């Protein structure tokens, strides 16, 4: 599966997952993402920005990778 952030700003993603944590800054341009094998369980997803105190719109895109 692939999880990717789409945003006009420079973002970072942190995912707390079963078996450890993932962190990514650049997958596609300034948009972070994670591609890999996802274990069954609960995931916590945090999206951060480099501009303190400012709201930046973003979308989480989840797709199946074959």
PDB file of N, CA and C in Angstrom:
ATOM      1  N   UNK A   1       0.841  -1.165   0.000  1.00  0.00           N
ATOM      2  CA  UNK A   1       0.000   0.000   0.000  1.00  0.00           C
ATOM      3  C   UNK A   1       0.895   1.239   0.000  1.00  0.00           C
ATOM      4  N   UNK A   2       0.355   2.331  -0.489  1.00  0.00           N
ATOM      5  CA  UNK A   2       1.078   3.600  -0.533  1.00  0.00           C
ATOM      6  C   UNK A   2       0.220   4.677   0.123  1.00  0.00           C
ATOM      7  N   UNK A   3       0.797   5.397   1.075  1.00  0.00           N
ATOM      8  CA  UNK A   3       0.142   6.526   1.710  1.00  0.00           C
ATOM      9  C   UNK A   3       0.976   7.749   1.381  1.00  0.00           C
ATOM     10  N   UNK A   4       0.338   8.789   0.832  1.00  0.00           N
ATOM     11  CA  UNK A   4       1.067   9.975   0.417  1.00  0.00           C
ATOM     12  C   UNK A   4       0.311  11.229   0.822  1.00  0.00           C
ATOM     13  N   UNK A   5       1.060  12.262   1.194  1.00  0.00           N
ATOM     14  CA  UNK A   5       0.494  13.567   1.502  1.00  0.00           C
ATOM     15  C   UNK A   5       0.555  14.416   0.238  1.00  0.00           C
ATOM     16  N   UNK A   6      -0.538  15.094  -0.069  1.00  0.00           N
ATOM     17  CA  UNK A   6      -0.561  16.055  -1.178  1.00  0.00           C
ATOM     18  C   UNK A   6      -0.819  17.432  -0.579  1.00  0.00           C
ATOM     19  N   UNK A   7       0.132  18.351  -0.760  1.00  0.00           N
ATOM     20  CA  UNK A   7       0.029  19.684  -0.191  1.00  0.00           C
ATOM     21  C   UNK A   7       0.868  20.656  -1.010  1.00  0.00           C
ATOM     22  N   UNK A   8       0.463  21.930  -1.036  1.00  0.00           N
ATOM     23  CA  UNK A   8       1.278  22.922  -1.724  1.00  0.00           C
ATOM     24  C   UNK A   8       2.518  23.325  -0.916  1.00  0.00           C
ATOM     25  N   UNK A   9       2.578  22.914   0.344  1.00  0.00           N
ATOM     26  CA  UNK A   9       3.688  23.287   1.230  1.00  0.00           C
ATOM     27  C   UNK A   9       4.644  22.119   1.438  1.00  0.00           C
ATOM     28  N   UNK A  10       5.792  22.421   2.010  1.00  0.00           N
ATOM     29  CA  UNK A  10       6.782  21.405   2.370  1.00  0.00           C
ATOM     30  C   UNK A  10       6.297  20.719   3.649  1.00  0.00           C
ATOM     31  N   UNK A  11       6.010  19.424   3.570  1.00  0.00           N
ATOM     32  CA  UNK A  11       5.444  18.687   4.699  1.00  0.00           C
ATOM     33  C   UNK A  11       6.304  17.489   5.074  1.00  0.00           C
ATOM     34  N   UNK A  12       5.990  16.917   6.225  1.00  0.00           N
ATOM     35  CA  UNK A  12       6.638  15.708   6.720  1.00  0.00           C
ATOM     36  C   UNK A  12       5.548  14.810   7.284  1.00  0.00           C
ATOM     37  N   UNK A  13       5.772  13.498   7.236  1.00  0.00           N
ATOM     38  CA  UNK A  13       4.791  12.556   7.775  1.00  0.00           C
ATOM     39  C   UNK A  13       5.489  11.603   8.744  1.00  0.00           C
ATOM     40  N   UNK A  14       4.809  11.324   9.852  1.00  0.00           N
ATOM     41  CA  UNK A  14       5.271  10.331  10.828  1.00  0.00           C
ATOM     42  C   UNK A  14       4.110   9.379  11.064  1.00  0.00           C
ATOM     43  N   UNK A  15       4.396   8.090  11.003  1.00  0.00           N
ATOM     44  CA  UNK A  15       3.364   7.071  11.199  1.00  0.00           C
ATOM     45  C   UNK A  15       3.816   6.140  12.313  1.00  0.00           C
ATOM     46  N   UNK A  16       3.017   6.085  13.381  1.00  0.00           N
ATOM     47  CA  UNK A  16       3.243   5.135  14.459  1.00  0.00           C
ATOM     48  C   UNK A  16       2.445   3.898  14.101  1.00  0.00           C
ATOM     49  N   UNK A  17       3.118   2.755  14.007  1.00  0.00           N
ATOM     50  CA  UNK A  17       2.475   1.549  13.497  1.00  0.00           C
ATOM     51  C   UNK A  17       2.908   0.324  14.287  1.00  0.00           C
ATOM     52  N   UNK A  18       2.201  -0.783  14.093  1.00  0.00           N
ATOM     53  CA  UNK A  18       2.629  -2.025  14.712  1.00  0.00           C
ATOM     54  C   UNK A  18       4.043  -2.378  14.209  1.00  0.00           C
ATOM     55  N   UNK A  19       4.945  -2.638  15.109  1.00  0.00           N
ATOM     56  CA  UNK A  19       6.300  -3.018  14.719  1.00  0.00           C
ATOM     57  C   UNK A  19       7.271  -1.860  14.583  1.00  0.00           C
ATOM     58  N   UNK A  20       6.855  -0.628  14.884  1.00  0.00           N
ATOM     59  CA  UNK A  20       7.777   0.504  14.806  1.00  0.00           C
ATOM     60  C   UNK A  20       7.163   1.734  14.176  1.00  0.00           C
ATOM     61  N   UNK A  21       8.000   2.706  13.883  1.00  0.00           N
ATOM     62  CA  UNK A  21       7.544   3.970  13.322  1.00  0.00           C
ATOM     63  C   UNK A  21       8.157   4.202  11.948  1.00  0.00           C
ATOM     64  N   UNK A  22       7.441   4.952  11.116  1.00  0.00           N
ATOM     65  CA  UNK A  22       7.937   5.388   9.817  1.00  0.00           C
ATOM     66  C   UNK A  22       7.959   6.909   9.809  1.00  0.00           C
ATOM     67  N   UNK A  23       8.940   7.479   9.138  1.00  0.00           N
ATOM     68  CA  UNK A  23       9.024   8.918   8.964  1.00  0.00           C
ATOM     69  C   UNK A  23       9.517   9.183   7.552  1.00  0.00           C
ATOM     70  N   UNK A  24       8.941  10.191   6.875  1.00  0.00           N
ATOM     71  CA  UNK A  24       9.378  10.514   5.527  1.00  0.00           C
ATOM     72  C   UNK A  24       9.200  12.004   5.279  1.00  0.00           C
ATOM     73  N   UNK A  25      10.128  12.560   4.522  1.00  0.00           N
ATOM     74  CA  UNK A  25      10.097  13.980   4.205  1.00  0.00           C
ATOM     75  C   UNK A  25       9.843  14.222   2.718  1.00  0.00           C
ATOM     76  N   UNK A  26      10.443  13.409   1.852  1.00  0.00           N
ATOM     77  CA  UNK A  26      10.295  13.620   0.403  1.00  0.00           C
ATOM     78  C   UNK A  26      10.078  12.296  -0.315  1.00  0.00           C
ATOM     79  N   UNK A  27       8.924  12.124  -0.926  1.00  0.00           N
ATOM     80  CA  UNK A  27       8.660  10.981  -1.793  1.00  0.00           C
ATOM     81  C   UNK A  27       8.432  11.470  -3.218  1.00  0.00           C
ATOM     82  N   UNK A  28       7.678  12.567  -3.326  1.00  0.00           N
ATOM     83  CA  UNK A  28       7.366  13.155  -4.640  1.00  0.00           C
ATOM     84  C   UNK A  28       7.449  14.670  -4.512  1.00  0.00           C
ATOM     85  N   UNK A  29       8.565  15.255  -4.884  1.00  0.00           N
ATOM     86  CA  UNK A  29       8.754  16.691  -4.683  1.00  0.00           C
ATOM     87  C   UNK A  29       8.818  16.993  -3.199  1.00  0.00           C
ATOM     88  N   UNK A  30       8.002  17.931  -2.742  1.00  0.00           N
ATOM     89  CA  UNK A  30       7.962  18.276  -1.315  1.00  0.00           C
ATOM     90  C   UNK A  30       6.934  17.447  -0.552  1.00  0.00           C
ATOM     91  N   UNK A  31       6.300  16.492  -1.239  1.00  0.00           N
ATOM     92  CA  UNK A  31       5.265  15.670  -0.611  1.00  0.00           C
ATOM     93  C   UNK A  31       5.847  14.364  -0.087  1.00  0.00           C
ATOM     94  N   UNK A  32       5.648  14.087   1.213  1.00  0.00           N
ATOM     95  CA  UNK A  32       6.143  12.839   1.777  1.00  0.00           C
ATOM     96  C   UNK A  32       5.171  11.692   1.543  1.00  0.00           C
ATOM     97  N   UNK A  33       5.642  10.490   1.751  1.00  0.00           N
ATOM     98  CA  UNK A  33       4.796   9.313   1.636  1.00  0.00           C
ATOM     99  C   UNK A  33       5.550   8.064   2.052  1.00  0.00           C
ATOM    100  N   UNK A  34       4.820   6.990   2.189  1.00  0.00           N
ATOM    101  CA  UNK A  34       5.375   5.698   2.578  1.00  0.00           C
ATOM    102  C   UNK A  34       4.816   4.644   1.635  1.00  0.00           C
ATOM    103  N   UNK A  35       5.691   3.815   1.109  1.00  0.00           N
ATOM    104  CA  UNK A  35       5.293   2.677   0.280  1.00  0.00           C
ATOM    105  C   UNK A  35       5.853   1.437   0.949  1.00  0.00           C
ATOM    106  N   UNK A  36       5.003   0.440   1.176  1.00  0.00           N
ATOM    107  CA  UNK A  36       5.513  -0.772   1.797  1.00  0.00           C
ATOM    108  C   UNK A  36       4.412  -1.721   2.200  1.00  0.00           C
ATOM    109  N   UNK A  37       4.816  -2.708   2.962  1.00  0.00           N
ATOM    110  CA  UNK A  37       3.896  -3.721   3.466  1.00  0.00           C
ATOM    111  C   UNK A  37       3.323  -3.230   4.792  1.00  0.00           C
ATOM    112  N   UNK A  38       2.019  -3.140   4.847  1.00  0.00           N
ATOM    113  CA  UNK A  38       1.335  -2.626   6.027  1.00  0.00           C
ATOM    114  C   UNK A  38       0.775  -3.790   6.836  1.00  0.00           C
ATOM    115  N   UNK A  39       1.190  -3.905   8.078  1.00  0.00           N
ATOM    116  CA  UNK A  39       0.706  -4.956   8.968  1.00  0.00           C
ATOM    117  C   UNK A  39      -0.681  -4.606   9.490  1.00  0.00           C
ATOM    118  N   UNK A  40      -1.420  -5.622   9.857  1.00  0.00           N
ATOM    119  CA  UNK A  40      -2.734  -5.402  10.447  1.00  0.00           C
ATOM    120  C   UNK A  40      -2.553  -4.730  11.801  1.00  0.00           C
ATOM    121  N   UNK A  41      -3.421  -3.784  12.117  1.00  0.00           N
ATOM    122  CA  UNK A  41      -3.344  -3.116  13.415  1.00  0.00           C
ATOM    123  C   UNK A  41      -3.764  -1.665  13.338  1.00  0.00           C
ATOM    124  N   UNK A  42      -3.461  -0.933  14.392  1.00  0.00           N
ATOM    125  CA  UNK A  42      -3.815   0.472  14.502  1.00  0.00           C
ATOM    126  C   UNK A  42      -2.634   1.347  14.098  1.00  0.00           C
ATOM    127  N   UNK A  43      -2.932   2.383  13.307  1.00  0.00           N
ATOM    128  CA  UNK A  43      -1.922   3.323  12.837  1.00  0.00           C
ATOM    129  C   UNK A  43      -2.288   4.725  13.289  1.00  0.00           C
ATOM    130  N   UNK A  44      -1.292   5.489  13.734  1.00  0.00           N
ATOM    131  CA  UNK A  44      -1.479   6.902  14.057  1.00  0.00           C
ATOM    132  C   UNK A  44      -0.648   7.696  13.058  1.00  0.00           C
ATOM    133  N   UNK A  45      -1.274   8.664  12.393  1.00  0.00           N
ATOM    134  CA  UNK A  45      -0.616   9.414  11.332  1.00  0.00           C
ATOM    135  C   UNK A  45      -0.536  10.885  11.737  1.00  0.00           C
ATOM    136  N   UNK A  46       0.653  11.446  11.655  1.00  0.00           N
ATOM    137  CA  UNK A  46       0.878  12.847  11.968  1.00  0.00           C
ATOM    138  C   UNK A  46       1.480  13.527  10.745  1.00  0.00           C
ATOM    139  N   UNK A  47       0.900  14.630  10.311  1.00  0.00           N
ATOM    140  CA  UNK A  47       1.423  15.424   9.197  1.00  0.00           C
ATOM    141  C   UNK A  47       1.878  16.760   9.763  1.00  0.00           C
ATOM    142  N   UNK A  48       3.120  17.118   9.497  1.00  0.00           N
ATOM    143  CA  UNK A  48       3.672  18.361  10.022  1.00  0.00           C
ATOM    144  C   UNK A  48       4.121  19.291   8.908  1.00  0.00           C
ATOM    145  N   UNK A  49       4.301  20.551   9.287  1.00  0.00           N
ATOM    146  CA  UNK A  49       4.717  21.594   8.350  1.00  0.00           C
ATOM    147  C   UNK A  49       5.925  22.316   8.931  1.00  0.00           C
ATOM    148  N   UNK A  50       6.693  22.940   8.083  1.00  0.00           N
ATOM    149  CA  UNK A  50       7.877  23.664   8.529  1.00  0.00           C
ATOM    150  C   UNK A  50       7.595  25.118   8.881  1.00  0.00           C
ATOM    151  N   UNK A  51       6.341  25.556   8.739  1.00  0.00           N
ATOM    152  CA  UNK A  51       5.964  26.923   9.081  1.00  0.00           C
ATOM    153  C   UNK A  51       5.134  26.892  10.364  1.00  0.00           C
ATOM    154  N   UNK A  52       5.734  27.288  11.466  1.00  0.00           N
ATOM    155  CA  UNK A  52       5.100  27.239  12.774  1.00  0.00           C
ATOM    156  C   UNK A  52       3.873  28.160  12.848  1.00  0.00           C
ATOM    157  N   UNK A  53       2.797  27.621  13.409  1.00  0.00           N
ATOM    158  CA  UNK A  53       1.601  28.404  13.663  1.00  0.00           C
ATOM    159  C   UNK A  53       0.745  28.714  12.450  1.00  0.00           C
ATOM    160  N   UNK A  54       1.028  28.090  11.324  1.00  0.00           N
ATOM    161  CA  UNK A  54       0.266  28.367  10.115  1.00  0.00           C
ATOM    162  C   UNK A  54      -0.452  27.094   9.668  1.00  0.00           C
ATOM    163  N   UNK A  55      -1.732  27.216   9.279  1.00  0.00           N
ATOM    164  CA  UNK A  55      -2.483  26.073   8.767  1.00  0.00           C
ATOM    165  C   UNK A  55      -2.236  25.953   7.263  1.00  0.00           C
ATOM    166  N   UNK A  56      -1.871  24.772   6.838  1.00  0.00           N
ATOM    167  CA  UNK A  56      -1.660  24.474   5.426  1.00  0.00           C
ATOM    168  C   UNK A  56      -2.598  23.324   5.054  1.00  0.00           C
ATOM    169  N   UNK A  57      -3.422  23.467   4.016  1.00  0.00           N
ATOM    170  CA  UNK A  57      -4.309  22.366   3.625  1.00  0.00           C
ATOM    171  C   UNK A  57      -3.504  21.205   3.047  1.00  0.00           C
ATOM    172  N   UNK A  58      -4.010  19.998   3.276  1.00  0.00           N
ATOM    173  CA  UNK A  58      -3.371  18.805   2.719  1.00  0.00           C
ATOM    174  C   UNK A  58      -4.403  17.699   2.566  1.00  0.00           C
ATOM    175  N   UNK A  59      -4.063  16.722   1.750  1.00  0.00           N
ATOM    176  CA  UNK A  59      -4.883  15.523   1.572  1.00  0.00           C
ATOM    177  C   UNK A  59      -4.007  14.302   1.824  1.00  0.00           C
ATOM    178  N   UNK A  60      -4.586  13.272   2.425  1.00  0.00           N
ATOM    179  CA  UNK A  60      -3.928  11.977   2.546  1.00  0.00           C
ATOM    180  C   UNK A  60      -4.470  11.102   1.429  1.00  0.00           C
ATOM    181  N   UNK A  61      -3.578  10.547   0.653  1.00  0.00           N
ATOM    182  CA  UNK A  61      -3.977   9.700  -0.467  1.00  0.00           C
ATOM    183  C   UNK A  61      -3.466   8.282  -0.186  1.00  0.00           C
ATOM    184  N   UNK A  62      -4.362   7.309  -0.190  1.00  0.00           N
ATOM    185  CA  UNK A  62      -4.002   5.912   0.065  1.00  0.00           C
ATOM    186  C   UNK A  62      -4.346   5.094  -1.175  1.00  0.00           C
ATOM    187  N   UNK A  63      -3.350   4.393  -1.699  1.00  0.00           N
ATOM    188  CA  UNK A  63      -3.555   3.571  -2.893  1.00  0.00           C
ATOM    189  C   UNK A  63      -2.901   2.208  -2.725  1.00  0.00           C
ATOM    190  N   UNK A  64      -3.410   1.255  -3.470  1.00  0.00           N
ATOM    191  CA  UNK A  64      -2.840  -0.083  -3.470  1.00  0.00           C
ATOM    192  C   UNK A  64      -1.723  -0.133  -4.510  1.00  0.00           C
ATOM    193  N   UNK A  65      -0.599  -0.704  -4.126  1.00  0.00           N
ATOM    194  CA  UNK A  65       0.538  -0.863  -5.032  1.00  0.00           C
ATOM    195  C   UNK A  65       0.611  -2.324  -5.424  1.00  0.00           C
ATOM    196  N   UNK A  66       0.648  -2.572  -6.724  1.00  0.00           N
ATOM    197  CA  UNK A  66       0.687  -3.962  -7.202  1.00  0.00           C
ATOM    198  C   UNK A  66       2.068  -4.333  -7.664  1.00  0.00           C
TER     199      UNK A  66
END
